[in-house]
Amino acid sequence: MARETAQSPSRYYYRNASPITAAPYTIASWAYSTNRSISQNVFCINRQGQNNDSLGLVLVASPNPAVVDFFSVSGGVGRTAKTVNTYSLNTWQHVCGVAASATDRKVYLNGDTSNKGTSTDSSVPNSLNRVTLGAWFGSAVGDRVVGGIAECALWNVALTEGEVVSLSTGMAASRIRPQSLVFYFPGIREVIDLKNSSAITSVGTPGVIAHPRIYV
């Protein structure tokens, strides 16, 4: 079963540590949303207590349009790569951001390489030290996912497009470059980062929902 997230009452997850601090890296997750009227942060890495440095993946509110943003904020200046294709409600969607360098970021929705977004503006977030799943958590909490998240994963390398496509078809993150996988939260049983056997804090007593189909 995947993990539920909600706007009200607030339900999300976090850990006060980050396994990556700079590019290259790849951030990926499955997201299930039931609401497109608000923007929803799926998987973010923040600096505790402030909003000036962060990175992550967000489902943008419709009608803006309802794309996926891969954002990088450094010193309060945000740079964003946006997908061309839009996400759907009430079904699992795969989101993935690949940062090959400070000036090379790409974002994919459901492995659609033809409709990926790109950003070449330089961005190097500083002092990243909090992983947040299903919400934004900088100086305050906001932009929670209304639905659920699963298979949240982070690598300290830039995955290839072929590897991103494999993830979007249901390949488990643990089978894609496992030597470079530095964070893995499947959301199936324990609320834990399986890669590091590190506990993750649940907020608001989240429930469970049906998991996306994953091949292990």
N, C-alpha and C. Protein backbone atom coordinates (compact mmCIF):
# COMPACT_ATOMS: atom_id res chain seq x y z
N MET A 1 0.83 -1.20 0.00
CA MET A 1 0.00 0.00 0.00
C MET A 1 0.87 1.26 0.00
N ALA A 2 0.47 2.28 -0.76
CA ALA A 2 1.17 3.56 -0.78
C ALA A 2 0.70 4.42 0.38
N ARG A 3 1.37 5.55 0.56
CA ARG A 3 1.09 6.41 1.69
C ARG A 3 0.21 7.60 1.31
N GLU A 4 -0.81 7.82 2.14
CA GLU A 4 -1.74 8.92 1.93
C GLU A 4 -1.10 10.25 2.30
N THR A 5 -1.51 11.31 1.58
CA THR A 5 -1.16 12.68 1.93
C THR A 5 -2.42 13.52 1.84
N ALA A 6 -2.47 14.64 2.55
CA ALA A 6 -3.69 15.44 2.54
C ALA A 6 -3.41 16.89 2.92
N GLN A 7 -4.28 17.78 2.45
CA GLN A 7 -4.19 19.20 2.75
C GLN A 7 -4.78 19.51 4.13
N SER A 8 -5.97 18.98 4.40
CA SER A 8 -6.63 19.26 5.68
C SER A 8 -7.51 18.07 6.07
N PRO A 9 -7.17 17.44 7.20
CA PRO A 9 -6.05 17.74 8.09
C PRO A 9 -4.71 17.40 7.43
N SER A 10 -3.68 18.12 7.86
CA SER A 10 -2.36 18.03 7.24
C SER A 10 -1.76 16.63 7.40
N ARG A 11 -1.33 16.04 6.27
CA ARG A 11 -0.66 14.74 6.29
C ARG A 11 0.50 14.77 5.31
N TYR A 12 1.70 14.53 5.81
CA TYR A 12 2.89 14.51 4.97
C TYR A 12 4.02 13.86 5.77
N TYR A 13 5.24 13.84 5.20
CA TYR A 13 6.38 13.14 5.81
C TYR A 13 7.64 13.99 5.65
N TYR A 14 8.57 13.85 6.60
CA TYR A 14 9.83 14.58 6.45
C TYR A 14 10.94 13.89 7.25
N ARG A 15 12.18 14.25 6.88
CA ARG A 15 13.37 13.82 7.62
C ARG A 15 14.37 14.97 7.63
N ASN A 16 14.90 15.30 8.78
CA ASN A 16 15.82 16.43 8.90
C ASN A 16 17.25 16.03 8.58
N ALA A 17 17.44 15.68 7.32
CA ALA A 17 18.76 15.37 6.76
C ALA A 17 18.57 15.25 5.26
N SER A 18 19.62 15.52 4.51
CA SER A 18 19.56 15.37 3.06
C SER A 18 20.76 14.58 2.57
N PRO A 19 20.53 13.55 1.74
CA PRO A 19 21.65 12.76 1.24
C PRO A 19 22.37 13.40 0.06
N ILE A 20 21.82 14.49 -0.50
CA ILE A 20 22.52 15.20 -1.58
C ILE A 20 22.56 16.68 -1.26
N THR A 21 23.58 17.36 -1.75
CA THR A 21 23.70 18.80 -1.53
C THR A 21 23.93 19.57 -2.83
N ALA A 22 24.21 18.86 -3.92
CA ALA A 22 24.47 19.54 -5.19
C ALA A 22 24.35 18.54 -6.33
N ALA A 23 24.26 19.06 -7.57
CA ALA A 23 24.24 18.22 -8.76
C ALA A 23 25.60 17.52 -8.92
N PRO A 24 25.59 16.34 -9.55
CA PRO A 24 24.46 15.70 -10.21
C PRO A 24 23.57 14.94 -9.23
N TYR A 25 22.29 14.84 -9.59
CA TYR A 25 21.35 14.05 -8.82
C TYR A 25 20.10 13.80 -9.67
N THR A 26 19.32 12.81 -9.25
CA THR A 26 18.02 12.53 -9.86
C THR A 26 17.02 12.33 -8.75
N ILE A 27 15.86 12.97 -8.88
CA ILE A 27 14.79 12.89 -7.88
C ILE A 27 13.54 12.38 -8.58
N ALA A 28 12.88 11.37 -8.00
CA ALA A 28 11.74 10.76 -8.67
C ALA A 28 10.71 10.28 -7.67
N SER A 29 9.46 10.20 -8.11
CA SER A 29 8.37 9.74 -7.25
C SER A 29 7.16 9.40 -8.09
N TRP A 30 6.29 8.59 -7.53
CA TRP A 30 4.93 8.42 -8.04
C TRP A 30 4.01 9.30 -7.20
N ALA A 31 3.05 9.94 -7.86
CA ALA A 31 2.12 10.84 -7.17
C ALA A 31 0.70 10.57 -7.64
N TYR A 32 -0.23 10.61 -6.69
CA TYR A 32 -1.66 10.41 -6.97
C TYR A 32 -2.39 11.64 -6.42
N SER A 33 -2.98 12.43 -7.31
CA SER A 33 -3.65 13.65 -6.89
C SER A 33 -5.13 13.60 -7.24
N THR A 34 -5.94 14.14 -6.36
CA THR A 34 -7.39 14.22 -6.59
C THR A 34 -7.85 15.66 -6.77
N ASN A 35 -6.90 16.60 -6.89
CA ASN A 35 -7.26 18.02 -6.92
C ASN A 35 -6.23 18.79 -7.73
N ARG A 36 -6.67 19.53 -8.76
CA ARG A 36 -5.73 20.32 -9.55
C ARG A 36 -5.90 21.83 -9.29
N SER A 37 -6.67 22.20 -8.28
CA SER A 37 -6.91 23.62 -8.02
C SER A 37 -5.79 24.27 -7.21
N ILE A 38 -4.89 23.46 -6.64
CA ILE A 38 -3.78 23.98 -5.87
C ILE A 38 -2.48 23.30 -6.32
N SER A 39 -1.37 24.01 -6.19
CA SER A 39 -0.08 23.40 -6.47
C SER A 39 0.30 22.47 -5.32
N GLN A 40 0.97 21.35 -5.65
CA GLN A 40 1.25 20.31 -4.66
C GLN A 40 2.68 19.82 -4.81
N ASN A 41 3.46 19.96 -3.73
CA ASN A 41 4.85 19.53 -3.73
C ASN A 41 4.93 18.03 -3.44
N VAL A 42 5.48 17.29 -4.38
CA VAL A 42 5.55 15.83 -4.27
C VAL A 42 6.76 15.40 -3.46
N PHE A 43 7.93 15.90 -3.81
CA PHE A 43 9.19 15.45 -3.22
C PHE A 43 10.15 16.64 -3.26
N CYS A 44 10.48 17.16 -2.09
CA CYS A 44 11.32 18.37 -2.01
C CYS A 44 12.50 18.16 -1.07
N ILE A 45 13.54 18.93 -1.31
CA ILE A 45 14.66 19.01 -0.39
C ILE A 45 14.83 20.49 -0.05
N ASN A 46 14.72 20.80 1.22
CA ASN A 46 14.71 22.19 1.67
C ASN A 46 15.85 22.48 2.63
N ARG A 47 16.00 23.75 2.92
CA ARG A 47 16.85 24.21 4.01
C ARG A 47 15.93 24.51 5.19
N GLN A 48 16.19 23.90 6.32
CA GLN A 48 15.28 24.02 7.47
C GLN A 48 15.10 25.48 7.89
N GLY A 49 13.84 25.85 8.11
CA GLY A 49 13.53 27.14 8.68
C GLY A 49 13.47 28.32 7.73
N GLN A 50 13.73 28.09 6.42
CA GLN A 50 13.67 29.20 5.48
C GLN A 50 13.32 28.69 4.09
N ASN A 51 13.01 29.65 3.18
CA ASN A 51 12.52 29.31 1.85
C ASN A 51 13.47 29.68 0.72
N ASN A 52 14.67 30.14 1.05
CA ASN A 52 15.55 30.68 0.03
C ASN A 52 16.37 29.65 -0.73
N ASP A 53 16.42 28.41 -0.22
CA ASP A 53 17.21 27.37 -0.89
C ASP A 53 16.44 26.06 -0.84
N SER A 54 16.18 25.50 -2.02
CA SER A 54 15.41 24.25 -2.09
C SER A 54 15.45 23.70 -3.51
N LEU A 55 14.96 22.49 -3.65
CA LEU A 55 14.78 21.88 -4.96
C LEU A 55 13.69 20.84 -4.84
N GLY A 56 13.08 20.47 -5.96
CA GLY A 56 12.07 19.43 -5.90
C GLY A 56 11.11 19.40 -7.07
N LEU A 57 10.07 18.61 -6.89
CA LEU A 57 9.07 18.37 -7.93
C LEU A 57 7.69 18.79 -7.43
N VAL A 58 6.98 19.55 -8.24
CA VAL A 58 5.67 20.06 -7.82
C VAL A 58 4.66 19.90 -8.96
N LEU A 59 3.45 19.47 -8.60
CA LEU A 59 2.32 19.45 -9.52
C LEU A 59 1.72 20.85 -9.52
N VAL A 60 1.77 21.53 -10.64
CA VAL A 60 1.31 22.92 -10.72
C VAL A 60 -0.21 22.96 -10.83
N ALA A 61 -0.81 23.95 -10.18
CA ALA A 61 -2.26 24.09 -10.19
C ALA A 61 -2.77 24.41 -11.59
N SER A 62 -3.91 23.82 -11.96
CA SER A 62 -4.60 24.16 -13.19
C SER A 62 -5.35 25.47 -12.96
N PRO A 63 -5.50 26.34 -13.98
CA PRO A 63 -5.17 26.14 -15.40
C PRO A 63 -3.86 26.77 -15.82
N ASN A 64 -2.78 26.59 -15.10
CA ASN A 64 -1.55 27.35 -15.30
C ASN A 64 -0.58 26.94 -16.42
N PRO A 65 -0.59 25.81 -17.04
CA PRO A 65 -1.50 24.67 -16.90
C PRO A 65 -0.99 23.66 -15.87
N ALA A 66 -1.64 22.50 -15.82
CA ALA A 66 -1.33 21.49 -14.81
C ALA A 66 -0.13 20.65 -15.24
N VAL A 67 1.04 21.30 -15.22
CA VAL A 67 2.28 20.64 -15.61
C VAL A 67 3.04 20.22 -14.35
N VAL A 68 4.18 19.59 -14.56
CA VAL A 68 5.09 19.25 -13.46
C VAL A 68 6.28 20.18 -13.53
N ASP A 69 6.59 20.83 -12.42
CA ASP A 69 7.77 21.69 -12.31
C ASP A 69 8.89 20.97 -11.58
N PHE A 70 10.09 21.10 -12.08
CA PHE A 70 11.30 20.69 -11.38
C PHE A 70 12.01 21.99 -11.04
N PHE A 71 11.96 22.38 -9.77
CA PHE A 71 12.46 23.69 -9.38
C PHE A 71 13.77 23.59 -8.61
N SER A 72 14.55 24.65 -8.72
CA SER A 72 15.79 24.80 -7.96
C SER A 72 15.86 26.25 -7.52
N VAL A 73 15.94 26.49 -6.21
CA VAL A 73 15.95 27.84 -5.65
C VAL A 73 17.28 28.05 -4.92
N SER A 74 17.99 29.11 -5.29
CA SER A 74 19.26 29.44 -4.66
C SER A 74 19.25 30.91 -4.26
N GLY A 75 19.41 31.16 -2.95
CA GLY A 75 19.40 32.53 -2.47
C GLY A 75 18.13 33.28 -2.80
N GLY A 76 17.01 32.57 -2.85
CA GLY A 76 15.72 33.17 -3.14
C GLY A 76 15.39 33.32 -4.61
N VAL A 77 16.31 32.94 -5.50
CA VAL A 77 16.08 33.02 -6.95
C VAL A 77 15.72 31.64 -7.47
N GLY A 78 14.52 31.50 -8.03
CA GLY A 78 14.04 30.21 -8.50
C GLY A 78 14.27 29.99 -9.98
N ARG A 79 14.68 28.80 -10.33
CA ARG A 79 14.81 28.36 -11.73
C ARG A 79 13.94 27.13 -11.90
N THR A 80 13.22 27.04 -13.00
CA THR A 80 12.24 25.97 -13.14
C THR A 80 12.26 25.36 -14.54
N ALA A 81 12.23 24.03 -14.58
CA ALA A 81 11.98 23.29 -15.81
C ALA A 81 10.55 22.77 -15.74
N LYS A 82 9.78 22.92 -16.81
CA LYS A 82 8.36 22.55 -16.82
C LYS A 82 8.09 21.54 -17.92
N THR A 83 7.32 20.51 -17.61
CA THR A 83 6.92 19.56 -18.65
C THR A 83 5.97 20.23 -19.63
N VAL A 84 5.95 19.72 -20.85
CA VAL A 84 4.98 20.17 -21.85
C VAL A 84 3.65 19.45 -21.62
N ASN A 85 3.71 18.17 -21.32
CA ASN A 85 2.49 17.41 -21.06
C ASN A 85 1.98 17.69 -19.65
N THR A 86 0.69 17.43 -19.44
CA THR A 86 0.04 17.75 -18.16
C THR A 86 -0.36 16.47 -17.43
N TYR A 87 -0.44 16.57 -16.10
CA TYR A 87 -0.75 15.40 -15.29
C TYR A 87 -2.26 15.18 -15.19
N SER A 88 -2.65 13.95 -14.90
CA SER A 88 -4.05 13.56 -14.79
C SER A 88 -4.42 13.33 -13.34
N LEU A 89 -5.70 13.52 -13.03
CA LEU A 89 -6.20 13.29 -11.68
C LEU A 89 -6.62 11.84 -11.49
N ASN A 90 -6.64 11.42 -10.21
CA ASN A 90 -7.19 10.13 -9.80
C ASN A 90 -6.52 8.93 -10.46
N THR A 91 -5.24 9.08 -10.74
CA THR A 91 -4.45 7.98 -11.27
C THR A 91 -2.98 8.25 -10.94
N TRP A 92 -2.21 7.19 -10.79
CA TRP A 92 -0.80 7.36 -10.46
C TRP A 92 -0.04 7.97 -11.63
N GLN A 93 0.80 8.97 -11.33
CA GLN A 93 1.63 9.65 -12.31
C GLN A 93 3.08 9.58 -11.85
N HIS A 94 3.99 9.34 -12.80
CA HIS A 94 5.40 9.29 -12.44
C HIS A 94 6.07 10.62 -12.78
N VAL A 95 6.76 11.20 -11.79
CA VAL A 95 7.45 12.48 -11.98
C VAL A 95 8.92 12.29 -11.68
N CYS A 96 9.77 12.95 -12.48
CA CYS A 96 11.21 12.75 -12.32
C CYS A 96 11.96 14.00 -12.77
N GLY A 97 12.93 14.42 -11.96
CA GLY A 97 13.81 15.52 -12.31
C GLY A 97 15.25 15.04 -12.33
N VAL A 98 15.98 15.41 -13.38
CA VAL A 98 17.38 15.01 -13.52
C VAL A 98 18.25 16.25 -13.63
N ALA A 99 19.16 16.42 -12.69
CA ALA A 99 20.11 17.54 -12.72
C ALA A 99 21.50 16.99 -13.01
N ALA A 100 21.96 17.19 -14.23
CA ALA A 100 23.30 16.74 -14.60
C ALA A 100 24.36 17.69 -14.08
N SER A 101 23.98 18.96 -13.91
CA SER A 101 24.90 19.98 -13.40
C SER A 101 24.08 21.16 -12.91
N ALA A 102 24.73 22.20 -12.45
CA ALA A 102 24.04 23.40 -11.99
C ALA A 102 23.32 24.13 -13.13
N THR A 103 23.68 23.81 -14.38
CA THR A 103 23.08 24.47 -15.53
C THR A 103 22.40 23.49 -16.49
N ASP A 104 22.07 22.32 -16.01
CA ASP A 104 21.45 21.30 -16.87
C ASP A 104 20.43 20.51 -16.07
N ARG A 105 19.17 20.94 -16.15
CA ARG A 105 18.08 20.25 -15.44
C ARG A 105 16.97 19.88 -16.42
N LYS A 106 16.46 18.66 -16.25
CA LYS A 106 15.37 18.17 -17.10
C LYS A 106 14.29 17.56 -16.22
N VAL A 107 13.03 17.67 -16.68
CA VAL A 107 11.91 17.11 -15.91
C VAL A 107 11.03 16.28 -16.84
N TYR A 108 10.55 15.15 -16.32
CA TYR A 108 9.77 14.20 -17.10
C TYR A 108 8.49 13.85 -16.36
N LEU A 109 7.40 13.74 -17.10
CA LEU A 109 6.13 13.25 -16.58
C LEU A 109 5.76 11.98 -17.31
N ASN A 110 5.64 10.89 -16.56
CA ASN A 110 5.27 9.59 -17.11
C ASN A 110 6.25 9.12 -18.20
N GLY A 111 7.51 9.48 -18.05
CA GLY A 111 8.54 9.00 -18.97
C GLY A 111 8.42 9.52 -20.38
N ASP A 112 7.67 10.60 -20.59
CA ASP A 112 7.45 11.15 -21.93
C ASP A 112 8.63 12.05 -22.29
N THR A 113 9.62 11.47 -22.95
CA THR A 113 10.83 12.22 -23.27
C THR A 113 10.59 13.29 -24.32
N SER A 114 9.58 13.14 -25.16
CA SER A 114 9.28 14.14 -26.19
C SER A 114 8.72 15.42 -25.58
N ASN A 115 8.13 15.31 -24.40
CA ASN A 115 7.50 16.47 -23.76
C ASN A 115 8.18 16.85 -22.45
N LYS A 116 9.45 16.53 -22.34
CA LYS A 116 10.22 16.90 -21.15
C LYS A 116 10.41 18.42 -21.11
N GLY A 117 10.70 18.94 -19.91
CA GLY A 117 11.06 20.34 -19.77
C GLY A 117 12.52 20.48 -19.45
N THR A 118 13.12 21.62 -19.80
CA THR A 118 14.54 21.84 -19.55
C THR A 118 14.78 23.22 -18.93
N SER A 119 15.88 23.34 -18.21
CA SER A 119 16.33 24.62 -17.68
C SER A 119 17.85 24.64 -17.69
N THR A 120 18.43 25.73 -18.22
CA THR A 120 19.89 25.86 -18.28
C THR A 120 20.40 27.03 -17.43
N ASP A 121 19.50 27.67 -16.68
CA ASP A 121 19.92 28.75 -15.79
C ASP A 121 20.66 28.17 -14.59
N SER A 122 21.75 28.77 -14.21
CA SER A 122 22.55 28.26 -13.09
C SER A 122 21.80 28.38 -11.77
N SER A 123 21.83 27.31 -10.98
CA SER A 123 21.20 27.31 -9.66
C SER A 123 21.91 26.31 -8.77
N VAL A 124 22.40 26.79 -7.62
CA VAL A 124 23.08 25.93 -6.65
C VAL A 124 22.50 26.21 -5.27
N PRO A 125 21.45 25.49 -4.86
CA PRO A 125 20.88 25.69 -3.52
C PRO A 125 21.92 25.40 -2.43
N ASN A 126 21.82 26.16 -1.34
CA ASN A 126 22.80 26.04 -0.26
C ASN A 126 22.20 25.39 0.99
N SER A 127 23.04 24.67 1.72
CA SER A 127 22.71 24.14 3.05
C SER A 127 21.41 23.32 3.07
N LEU A 128 21.22 22.46 2.10
CA LEU A 128 20.03 21.62 2.06
C LEU A 128 20.11 20.58 3.17
N ASN A 129 19.07 20.51 4.02
CA ASN A 129 19.14 19.59 5.16
C ASN A 129 17.78 19.06 5.60
N ARG A 130 16.80 19.06 4.70
CA ARG A 130 15.51 18.46 5.05
C ARG A 130 14.87 17.85 3.81
N VAL A 131 14.47 16.59 3.89
CA VAL A 131 13.70 15.92 2.84
C VAL A 131 12.23 15.97 3.24
N THR A 132 11.38 16.45 2.33
CA THR A 132 9.95 16.53 2.59
C THR A 132 9.19 15.78 1.50
N LEU A 133 8.28 14.92 1.90
CA LEU A 133 7.50 14.11 0.97
C LEU A 133 6.02 14.46 1.10
N GLY A 134 5.41 14.87 0.00
CA GLY A 134 3.98 15.18 0.01
C GLY A 134 3.63 16.56 0.49
N ALA A 135 4.61 17.47 0.55
CA ALA A 135 4.36 18.84 1.01
C ALA A 135 5.60 19.69 0.80
N TRP A 136 5.44 20.99 1.03
CA TRP A 136 6.55 21.93 1.14
C TRP A 136 6.80 22.19 2.63
N PHE A 137 8.06 22.18 3.06
CA PHE A 137 8.35 22.41 4.47
C PHE A 137 9.65 23.19 4.58
N GLY A 138 9.55 24.51 4.42
CA GLY A 138 10.69 25.39 4.61
C GLY A 138 10.55 26.11 5.92
N SER A 139 10.17 27.40 5.87
CA SER A 139 9.89 28.13 7.10
C SER A 139 8.51 27.77 7.65
N ALA A 140 7.66 27.22 6.79
CA ALA A 140 6.33 26.76 7.18
C ALA A 140 5.93 25.62 6.26
N VAL A 141 4.82 24.97 6.58
CA VAL A 141 4.33 23.85 5.77
C VAL A 141 3.25 24.34 4.83
N GLY A 142 3.28 23.87 3.58
CA GLY A 142 2.25 24.24 2.62
C GLY A 142 2.28 23.33 1.41
N ASP A 143 1.38 23.59 0.48
CA ASP A 143 1.34 22.90 -0.83
C ASP A 143 1.38 21.38 -0.69
N ARG A 144 0.54 20.84 0.18
CA ARG A 144 0.50 19.39 0.40
C ARG A 144 -0.18 18.69 -0.78
N VAL A 145 0.25 17.48 -1.06
CA VAL A 145 -0.39 16.67 -2.08
C VAL A 145 -1.74 16.18 -1.55
N VAL A 146 -2.77 16.33 -2.35
CA VAL A 146 -4.10 15.85 -1.98
C VAL A 146 -4.28 14.49 -2.65
N GLY A 147 -3.90 13.44 -1.95
CA GLY A 147 -3.96 12.09 -2.52
C GLY A 147 -2.94 11.18 -1.90
N GLY A 148 -1.83 10.94 -2.59
CA GLY A 148 -0.83 10.04 -2.04
C GLY A 148 0.48 10.08 -2.81
N ILE A 149 1.51 9.50 -2.22
CA ILE A 149 2.83 9.40 -2.83
C ILE A 149 3.38 7.98 -2.62
N ALA A 150 4.31 7.61 -3.47
CA ALA A 150 4.94 6.29 -3.35
C ALA A 150 6.24 6.28 -4.12
N GLU A 151 7.12 5.36 -3.76
CA GLU A 151 8.36 5.11 -4.50
C GLU A 151 9.19 6.38 -4.69
N CYS A 152 9.36 7.13 -3.61
CA CYS A 152 10.19 8.34 -3.64
C CYS A 152 11.66 7.92 -3.60
N ALA A 153 12.43 8.39 -4.57
CA ALA A 153 13.82 7.93 -4.67
C ALA A 153 14.73 9.07 -5.10
N LEU A 154 15.99 8.96 -4.67
CA LEU A 154 16.98 9.98 -4.96
C LEU A 154 18.32 9.30 -5.25
N TRP A 155 18.95 9.72 -6.35
CA TRP A 155 20.26 9.21 -6.73
C TRP A 155 21.26 10.35 -6.76
N ASN A 156 22.53 10.06 -6.52
CA ASN A 156 23.56 11.09 -6.58
C ASN A 156 24.25 11.12 -7.94
N VAL A 157 23.51 10.70 -8.96
CA VAL A 157 23.96 10.76 -10.35
C VAL A 157 22.78 11.20 -11.22
N ALA A 158 23.09 11.62 -12.45
CA ALA A 158 22.04 11.95 -13.42
C ALA A 158 21.68 10.69 -14.20
N LEU A 159 20.47 10.19 -13.99
CA LEU A 159 20.03 9.01 -14.74
C LEU A 159 19.85 9.35 -16.22
N THR A 160 19.96 8.33 -17.06
CA THR A 160 19.72 8.51 -18.49
C THR A 160 18.23 8.54 -18.77
N GLU A 161 17.85 9.00 -19.96
CA GLU A 161 16.44 9.00 -20.32
C GLU A 161 15.88 7.58 -20.35
N GLY A 162 16.67 6.63 -20.76
CA GLY A 162 16.22 5.24 -20.76
C GLY A 162 15.89 4.75 -19.37
N GLU A 163 16.69 5.15 -18.39
CA GLU A 163 16.44 4.77 -17.01
C GLU A 163 15.20 5.47 -16.46
N VAL A 164 14.99 6.72 -16.84
CA VAL A 164 13.78 7.44 -16.42
C VAL A 164 12.54 6.75 -16.99
N VAL A 165 12.61 6.35 -18.24
CA VAL A 165 11.48 5.64 -18.86
C VAL A 165 11.22 4.33 -18.13
N SER A 166 12.26 3.61 -17.76
CA SER A 166 12.08 2.34 -17.04
C SER A 166 11.36 2.58 -15.71
N LEU A 167 11.73 3.63 -14.99
CA LEU A 167 11.04 3.96 -13.74
C LEU A 167 9.56 4.24 -14.00
N SER A 168 9.27 4.95 -15.07
CA SER A 168 7.88 5.33 -15.36
C SER A 168 7.01 4.15 -15.75
N THR A 169 7.63 3.05 -16.20
CA THR A 169 6.86 1.86 -16.55
C THR A 169 6.68 0.92 -15.37
N GLY A 170 7.25 1.29 -14.21
CA GLY A 170 7.03 0.50 -13.00
C GLY A 170 8.25 -0.21 -12.46
N MET A 171 9.41 0.03 -13.04
CA MET A 171 10.62 -0.58 -12.50
C MET A 171 10.92 0.01 -11.12
N ALA A 172 11.24 -0.84 -10.16
CA ALA A 172 11.55 -0.37 -8.82
C ALA A 172 12.84 0.45 -8.83
N ALA A 173 12.86 1.52 -8.06
CA ALA A 173 14.05 2.37 -7.99
C ALA A 173 15.26 1.59 -7.52
N SER A 174 15.05 0.61 -6.69
CA SER A 174 16.15 -0.19 -6.15
C SER A 174 16.88 -1.01 -7.21
N ARG A 175 16.29 -1.11 -8.42
CA ARG A 175 16.92 -1.86 -9.50
C ARG A 175 17.60 -0.95 -10.52
N ILE A 176 17.51 0.35 -10.31
CA ILE A 176 18.16 1.31 -11.21
C ILE A 176 19.38 1.89 -10.50
N ARG A 177 20.57 1.54 -10.95
CA ARG A 177 21.83 2.00 -10.38
C ARG A 177 21.81 2.00 -8.85
N PRO A 178 21.62 0.84 -8.25
CA PRO A 178 21.51 0.76 -6.79
C PRO A 178 22.73 1.30 -6.06
N GLN A 179 23.90 1.26 -6.69
CA GLN A 179 25.10 1.79 -6.04
C GLN A 179 25.07 3.30 -5.89
N SER A 180 24.20 3.97 -6.66
CA SER A 180 24.09 5.43 -6.61
C SER A 180 22.79 5.90 -5.97
N LEU A 181 21.95 4.97 -5.57
CA LEU A 181 20.70 5.30 -4.90
C LEU A 181 21.00 5.69 -3.45
N VAL A 182 20.63 6.91 -3.06
CA VAL A 182 20.99 7.40 -1.72
C VAL A 182 19.77 7.63 -0.82
N PHE A 183 18.57 7.48 -1.37
CA PHE A 183 17.35 7.63 -0.57
C PHE A 183 16.24 6.86 -1.27
N TYR A 184 15.49 6.05 -0.49
CA TYR A 184 14.41 5.26 -1.10
C TYR A 184 13.30 5.04 -0.09
N PHE A 185 12.14 5.64 -0.39
CA PHE A 185 10.95 5.52 0.45
C PHE A 185 9.82 4.91 -0.39
N PRO A 186 9.69 3.57 -0.39
CA PRO A 186 8.62 2.96 -1.18
C PRO A 186 7.23 3.32 -0.67
N GLY A 187 7.10 3.45 0.66
CA GLY A 187 5.79 3.75 1.24
C GLY A 187 4.89 2.55 1.37
N ILE A 188 5.46 1.35 1.29
CA ILE A 188 4.62 0.14 1.31
C ILE A 188 4.29 -0.29 2.72
N ARG A 189 5.26 -0.34 3.59
CA ARG A 189 5.02 -0.79 4.98
C ARG A 189 5.50 0.27 5.95
N GLU A 190 6.77 0.15 6.39
CA GLU A 190 7.30 1.10 7.36
C GLU A 190 7.50 2.47 6.72
N VAL A 191 7.38 3.48 7.56
CA VAL A 191 7.70 4.85 7.13
C VAL A 191 9.19 5.04 7.37
N ILE A 192 9.97 4.65 6.36
CA ILE A 192 11.42 4.57 6.54
C ILE A 192 12.13 4.76 5.20
N ASP A 193 13.32 5.32 5.25
CA ASP A 193 14.23 5.37 4.12
C ASP A 193 14.96 4.04 4.09
N LEU A 194 14.56 3.14 3.18
CA LEU A 194 15.11 1.80 3.16
C LEU A 194 16.59 1.78 2.82
N LYS A 195 17.05 2.75 2.05
CA LYS A 195 18.45 2.76 1.64
C LYS A 195 19.36 2.95 2.83
N ASN A 196 18.93 3.77 3.80
CA ASN A 196 19.77 4.09 4.94
C ASN A 196 19.23 3.59 6.27
N SER A 197 18.11 2.85 6.23
CA SER A 197 17.46 2.37 7.44
C SER A 197 17.20 3.52 8.41
N SER A 198 16.80 4.67 7.86
CA SER A 198 16.56 5.86 8.66
C SER A 198 15.07 6.15 8.77
N ALA A 199 14.62 6.42 9.98
CA ALA A 199 13.20 6.71 10.21
C ALA A 199 12.81 8.04 9.56
N ILE A 200 11.57 8.10 9.10
CA ILE A 200 10.99 9.31 8.54
C ILE A 200 9.79 9.68 9.41
N THR A 201 9.63 10.96 9.70
CA THR A 201 8.55 11.42 10.55
C THR A 201 7.25 11.55 9.77
N SER A 202 6.18 10.94 10.27
CA SER A 202 4.84 11.10 9.69
C SER A 202 4.11 12.20 10.44
N VAL A 203 3.44 13.07 9.73
CA VAL A 203 2.67 14.15 10.34
C VAL A 203 1.19 13.93 10.03
N GLY A 204 0.36 13.97 11.07
CA GLY A 204 -1.08 13.90 10.86
C GLY A 204 -1.67 12.51 10.73
N THR A 205 -0.93 11.47 11.10
CA THR A 205 -1.41 10.08 11.06
C THR A 205 -1.98 9.74 9.68
N PRO A 206 -1.14 9.75 8.64
CA PRO A 206 -1.62 9.40 7.30
C PRO A 206 -2.06 7.94 7.22
N GLY A 207 -3.03 7.70 6.35
CA GLY A 207 -3.47 6.34 6.08
C GLY A 207 -2.73 5.77 4.88
N VAL A 208 -3.32 4.76 4.25
CA VAL A 208 -2.70 4.13 3.08
C VAL A 208 -3.70 4.09 1.93
N ILE A 209 -3.17 4.01 0.71
CA ILE A 209 -3.99 3.85 -0.49
C ILE A 209 -3.33 2.78 -1.35
N ALA A 210 -4.02 2.34 -2.39
CA ALA A 210 -3.48 1.30 -3.26
C ALA A 210 -2.19 1.76 -3.93
N HIS A 211 -1.19 0.89 -3.92
CA HIS A 211 0.13 1.21 -4.45
C HIS A 211 0.14 1.14 -5.98
N PRO A 212 0.97 1.97 -6.64
CA PRO A 212 1.14 1.79 -8.08
C PRO A 212 1.81 0.45 -8.37
N ARG A 213 1.63 -0.07 -9.56
CA ARG A 213 2.22 -1.36 -9.90
C ARG A 213 3.72 -1.20 -10.12
N ILE A 214 4.51 -1.91 -9.30
CA ILE A 214 5.95 -1.82 -9.35
C ILE A 214 6.54 -3.21 -9.56
N TYR A 215 7.58 -3.28 -10.42
CA TYR A 215 8.26 -4.54 -10.71
C TYR A 215 9.57 -4.58 -9.94
N VAL A 216 9.68 -5.51 -9.01
CA VAL A 216 10.86 -5.58 -8.17
C VAL A 216 11.77 -6.73 -8.58
